[in-house]
Protein backbone atom coordinates (compact mmCIF):
# COMPACT_ATOMS: atom_id res chain seq x y z
CA MET A 1 61.24 -98.94 -6.86
CA SER A 2 57.95 -97.73 -8.32
CA ASP A 3 57.93 -95.32 -11.25
CA ALA A 4 56.54 -92.59 -8.99
CA LEU A 5 59.29 -93.04 -6.40
CA ARG A 6 61.95 -93.14 -9.10
CA ALA A 7 60.62 -89.92 -10.63
CA GLY A 8 60.55 -88.22 -7.23
CA LEU A 9 64.07 -89.35 -6.39
CA ARG A 10 65.39 -88.17 -9.73
CA ALA A 11 63.65 -84.83 -9.27
CA ASN A 12 65.29 -84.39 -5.86
CA TRP A 13 68.73 -84.40 -7.45
CA THR A 14 68.08 -82.89 -10.88
CA GLN A 15 66.55 -79.71 -9.48
CA GLY A 16 68.74 -76.97 -8.11
CA ASP A 17 72.52 -77.19 -8.46
CA PHE A 18 73.72 -80.06 -6.31
CA GLY A 19 77.30 -79.62 -7.49
CA GLU A 20 77.45 -76.31 -5.64
CA VAL A 21 76.41 -78.07 -2.42
CA ALA A 22 78.62 -81.12 -2.97
CA ARG A 23 81.80 -79.10 -3.25
CA PHE A 24 81.56 -78.18 0.43
CA ALA A 25 81.64 -81.92 1.26
CA GLN A 26 84.69 -82.58 -0.95
CA PRO A 27 87.26 -82.44 1.88
CA ALA A 28 85.35 -85.16 3.76
CA ALA A 29 85.13 -87.23 0.57
CA ASP A 30 88.86 -86.89 -0.08
CA ALA A 31 89.63 -88.04 3.47
CA PHE A 32 87.20 -90.96 3.13
CA VAL A 33 88.94 -92.18 -0.04
CA GLU A 34 92.39 -91.65 1.46
CA ARG A 35 91.53 -93.87 4.45
CA LEU A 36 90.67 -96.70 2.05
CA ALA A 37 94.23 -96.76 0.66
CA LEU A 38 93.05 -97.88 -2.77
CA ARG A 39 95.57 -99.81 -4.87
CA PRO A 40 96.43 -98.93 -8.48
CA GLY A 41 94.22 -101.02 -10.74
CA GLU A 42 91.68 -101.79 -8.01
CA ARG A 43 88.15 -102.09 -9.41
CA VAL A 44 85.95 -99.52 -7.65
CA ALA A 45 82.27 -98.65 -7.98
CA ASP A 46 80.85 -95.39 -6.64
CA ILE A 47 77.12 -95.91 -6.13
CA ALA A 48 74.93 -92.78 -6.28
CA CYS A 49 78.09 -90.95 -7.24
CA GLY A 50 76.63 -87.47 -7.64
CA THR A 51 79.15 -85.09 -9.17
CA GLY A 52 82.06 -87.44 -8.51
CA ASN A 53 83.20 -86.55 -4.99
CA LEU A 54 84.45 -90.11 -4.45
CA ALA A 55 84.94 -91.27 -8.02
CA VAL A 56 87.41 -88.53 -8.92
CA PRO A 57 89.84 -88.97 -5.98
CA ALA A 58 89.56 -92.76 -6.35
CA ALA A 59 90.63 -92.47 -9.99
CA ARG A 60 93.44 -90.12 -8.99
CA ALA A 61 94.69 -92.91 -6.72
CA GLY A 62 94.93 -95.20 -9.74
CA ALA A 63 91.76 -97.23 -9.26
CA ARG A 64 89.62 -98.33 -12.22
CA VAL A 65 86.40 -96.53 -11.34
CA SER A 66 82.78 -96.78 -12.39
CA GLY A 67 80.20 -94.31 -11.07
CA ILE A 68 76.44 -94.51 -11.28
CA ASP A 69 73.70 -92.03 -10.38
CA ILE A 70 69.99 -91.64 -11.03
CA ALA A 71 70.36 -87.97 -12.04
CA PRO A 72 71.70 -87.43 -15.57
CA ASN A 73 72.82 -83.87 -14.83
CA LEU A 74 75.04 -85.09 -12.00
CA ILE A 75 76.55 -87.77 -14.24
CA GLU A 76 77.32 -85.09 -16.82
CA ALA A 77 78.98 -82.90 -14.19
CA ALA A 78 81.02 -85.82 -12.84
CA ALA A 79 82.16 -86.78 -16.34
CA ALA A 80 83.20 -83.18 -17.00
CA ARG A 81 85.25 -83.14 -13.79
CA ALA A 82 86.99 -86.36 -14.78
CA ALA A 83 87.70 -85.12 -18.30
CA ALA A 84 89.12 -81.85 -16.97
CA GLU A 85 91.66 -83.85 -14.96
CA GLY A 86 92.39 -86.33 -17.73
CA LEU A 87 90.93 -89.20 -15.69
CA THR A 88 89.28 -92.25 -17.22
CA ILE A 89 86.08 -93.05 -15.30
CA ARG A 90 83.03 -94.91 -16.57
CA PHE A 91 79.80 -93.12 -15.63
CA ASP A 92 76.35 -94.69 -15.97
CA GLU A 93 72.85 -93.40 -15.37
CA GLY A 94 70.87 -95.79 -13.18
CA ASP A 95 69.65 -96.47 -9.68
CA ALA A 96 71.16 -98.31 -6.73
CA GLU A 97 68.41 -100.91 -6.66
CA ARG A 98 69.21 -102.19 -10.18
CA LEU A 99 72.91 -101.84 -10.83
CA PRO A 100 73.91 -102.53 -14.46
CA TYR A 101 77.01 -104.48 -13.46
CA ASP A 102 77.86 -108.17 -13.39
CA ASP A 103 78.16 -110.15 -10.18
CA ALA A 104 81.49 -109.74 -8.34
CA SER A 105 82.61 -106.95 -10.71
CA PHE A 106 84.37 -104.79 -8.11
CA ASP A 107 86.97 -105.06 -5.37
CA THR A 108 85.55 -102.07 -3.48
CA VAL A 109 82.04 -100.64 -3.62
CA LEU A 110 81.65 -97.09 -2.28
CA SER A 111 78.81 -94.77 -1.44
CA MET A 112 78.98 -91.52 0.50
CA PHE A 113 75.64 -89.89 1.30
CA GLY A 114 74.21 -91.70 -1.72
CA VAL A 115 72.84 -95.23 -1.45
CA MET A 116 71.15 -94.20 1.80
CA PHE A 117 68.48 -92.47 -0.31
CA ALA A 118 67.41 -95.61 -2.21
CA PRO A 119 63.76 -96.27 -1.22
CA ASP A 120 64.10 -100.08 -1.12
CA GLN A 121 66.94 -100.35 1.36
CA HIS A 122 67.12 -104.14 1.43
CA ARG A 123 67.29 -104.38 -2.35
CA ALA A 124 69.98 -101.69 -2.48
CA ALA A 125 72.01 -103.54 0.17
CA ALA A 126 71.67 -106.78 -1.79
CA GLU A 127 72.94 -105.03 -4.91
CA LEU A 128 75.99 -103.71 -3.06
CA PHE A 129 76.88 -107.30 -2.11
CA ARG A 130 76.06 -108.71 -5.55
CA VAL A 131 78.51 -106.51 -7.45
CA CYS A 132 81.27 -106.83 -4.82
CA ARG A 133 83.65 -109.77 -5.18
CA PRO A 134 83.95 -112.32 -2.35
CA GLY A 135 86.48 -110.93 0.10
CA GLY A 136 85.98 -107.42 -1.27
CA ARG A 137 84.72 -104.49 0.76
CA ILE A 138 81.76 -102.17 0.82
CA ALA A 139 82.58 -98.73 2.25
CA LEU A 140 79.71 -96.42 3.16
CA ALA A 141 79.22 -93.03 4.78
CA SER A 142 75.71 -92.02 5.83
CA TRP A 143 74.34 -89.15 7.87
CA THR A 144 73.41 -90.02 11.45
CA PRO A 145 69.93 -89.22 12.80
CA ASP A 146 71.32 -87.12 15.65
CA GLY A 147 73.89 -85.24 13.58
CA PHE A 148 73.34 -81.87 11.94
CA VAL A 149 72.19 -83.17 8.55
CA GLY A 150 69.95 -85.72 10.22
CA ARG A 151 68.34 -82.92 12.20
CA MET A 152 67.95 -80.87 9.03
CA PHE A 153 66.19 -83.80 7.31
CA ALA A 154 63.95 -84.33 10.33
CA LEU A 155 63.02 -80.65 10.26
CA GLY A 156 62.11 -80.89 6.59
CA ALA A 157 59.95 -83.95 7.28
CA ARG A 158 57.98 -81.94 9.87
CA PHE A 159 56.97 -79.48 7.18
CA VAL A 160 56.69 -81.89 4.23
CA PRO A 161 56.17 -85.52 5.32
CA PRO A 162 57.99 -88.14 3.21
CA PRO A 163 56.07 -90.65 1.06
CA ALA A 164 54.13 -93.20 3.10
CA GLY A 165 55.78 -96.57 3.55
CA VAL A 166 59.30 -95.43 2.67
CA ALA A 167 61.89 -96.08 5.39
CA SER A 168 63.97 -93.14 6.56
CA PRO A 169 67.34 -92.85 4.78
CA LEU A 170 68.79 -92.10 8.23
CA ARG A 171 68.53 -95.82 9.06
CA TRP A 172 71.87 -96.10 7.24
CA GLY A 173 73.32 -93.82 9.93
CA ARG A 174 72.48 -96.20 12.81
CA ALA A 175 74.89 -99.09 13.37
CA GLU A 176 72.17 -101.52 14.48
CA ASP A 177 70.10 -100.85 11.37
CA VAL A 178 73.10 -101.13 9.07
CA ALA A 179 73.99 -104.44 10.70
CA ALA A 180 70.49 -105.68 9.82
CA LEU A 181 70.71 -104.39 6.25
CA LEU A 182 74.21 -105.84 5.73
CA HIS A 183 73.62 -109.06 7.66
CA ASP A 184 75.41 -111.12 4.99
CA ALA A 185 78.74 -109.39 5.67
CA ALA A 186 81.61 -111.55 6.87
CA GLU A 187 82.83 -108.59 8.93
CA LEU A 188 81.47 -105.15 9.81
CA ARG A 189 83.42 -102.18 11.16
CA PHE A 190 81.92 -98.87 12.26
CA ALA A 191 83.41 -95.46 12.94
CA GLU A 192 82.02 -91.96 13.35
CA GLY A 193 83.11 -89.34 10.87
CA ARG A 194 82.51 -85.62 10.66
CA ALA A 195 82.06 -83.49 7.59
CA ARG A 196 82.69 -79.77 8.00
CA PHE A 197 80.56 -77.41 5.92
CA ASP A 198 82.36 -74.08 5.82
CA LEU A 199 80.27 -71.58 3.88
CA PRO A 200 81.39 -68.02 3.15
CA PHE A 201 78.14 -66.37 4.25
CA GLY A 202 75.88 -66.18 7.30
CA PRO A 203 73.05 -68.53 8.33
CA ALA A 204 70.28 -66.60 6.55
CA GLN A 205 72.24 -66.63 3.30
CA THR A 206 73.05 -70.32 3.88
CA VAL A 207 69.32 -71.12 3.98
CA ALA A 208 68.84 -69.16 0.75
CA PHE A 209 71.74 -71.08 -0.82
CA TYR A 210 70.24 -74.47 0.10
CA ARG A 211 66.80 -73.32 -0.97
CA ARG A 212 68.24 -72.47 -4.39
CA CYS A 213 70.76 -75.30 -4.89
CA PHE A 214 69.82 -78.37 -2.81
CA GLY A 215 67.07 -80.28 -4.60
CA PRO A 216 65.33 -81.80 -1.55
CA THR A 217 65.16 -78.41 0.19
CA LEU A 218 64.06 -76.66 -3.00
CA ARG A 219 61.24 -79.18 -3.50
CA ALA A 220 60.15 -78.95 0.13
CA PHE A 221 59.76 -75.19 -0.16
CA ALA A 222 57.85 -75.61 -3.42
CA ALA A 223 55.33 -77.88 -1.67
CA LEU A 224 54.46 -75.22 0.93
CA ASP A 225 52.30 -72.13 0.77
CA ALA A 226 53.84 -68.73 1.48
CA ALA A 227 53.21 -68.92 5.24
CA GLY A 228 54.67 -72.43 5.42
CA GLN A 229 57.71 -71.33 3.45
CA ALA A 230 58.33 -68.49 5.87
CA ARG A 231 58.05 -70.79 8.90
CA TYR A 232 60.33 -73.39 7.29
CA ALA A 233 62.94 -70.75 6.39
CA ASP A 234 62.92 -69.40 9.95
CA ALA A 235 63.29 -72.90 11.41
CA LEU A 236 66.17 -73.74 9.08
CA GLU A 237 67.95 -70.49 9.87
CA GLU A 238 67.60 -71.18 13.60
CA LEU A 239 69.07 -74.67 13.10
CA TRP A 240 72.06 -73.37 11.14
CA ARG A 241 72.60 -70.50 13.57
CA GLU A 242 72.47 -72.83 16.60
CA ALA A 243 75.06 -75.21 15.08
CA ASN A 244 77.33 -72.51 13.65
CA ILE A 245 80.87 -72.53 15.07
CA ALA A 246 82.23 -69.69 12.89
CA PRO A 247 82.73 -66.41 14.78
CA ASP A 248 83.16 -64.06 11.82
CA GLY A 249 79.97 -63.85 9.78
CA ARG A 250 80.51 -67.13 7.94
CA THR A 251 78.64 -70.36 8.62
CA CYS A 252 80.62 -73.42 9.67
CA VAL A 253 78.88 -76.59 10.82
CA GLU A 254 80.19 -80.06 11.61
CA ALA A 255 77.87 -82.89 10.58
CA ALA A 256 78.27 -86.41 11.96
CA TYR A 257 78.08 -89.46 9.74
CA LEU A 258 78.48 -93.20 10.24
CA GLU A 259 81.34 -94.79 8.34
CA VAL A 260 80.92 -98.51 7.61
CA ILE A 261 83.30 -101.07 6.16
CA ALA A 262 81.66 -104.37 5.29
CA ILE A 263 83.67 -107.34 4.04
CA ARG A 264 81.80 -109.65 1.74
């Protein structure tokens, strides 16, 4: 990863207040960890751990957990969550393309809506395998291109194109692309999951919330002039309103993701 890409990626997640966004995905993260049936003492790595949505429930299950993220503010928030619950979790600042762990260090390597954002996808995939022990598993959840979050990302790219030469993170949400990235796996299993975002305000306020708290959206707005910002806000509100299943003034959207289990 170049210094410029690393700085941009870090800025995506240090700006705004990602913890406020991540808490709406916590139920999906809890269910994801529960399906893994982690054993007490199991060595677990949460790659691009954010504010600890996977690391915290994994530690509650008795696993020995390490979490890593490129954004120092998210690491601080995750560590505070763990400390508040009396959980022992190692948190490191770093990126998914250069993990600071020894070969075969973990029984299970996790990432939910995290490693998919690494610019060098092949290197990130190789790192997942490197730190996983032979016979261990890599468990991933990534937004699908056709799901709600994939459509939201595609909308953002229409207004602010991504850096040239960087593959779409939504490749991790297509089974055929994941199979190519994880071609060294002894076994691959795929399933579709759904994360429900249930926000206590309407679509217009939801756009304002993401514009304030979600780093990628915040930065996209900042790159536009006033007219572009207005058009982008209107398009986002239309997308949220179209997908909203709440009848009572709230905003509730179900977003599809691809769940992958790879056995090394």
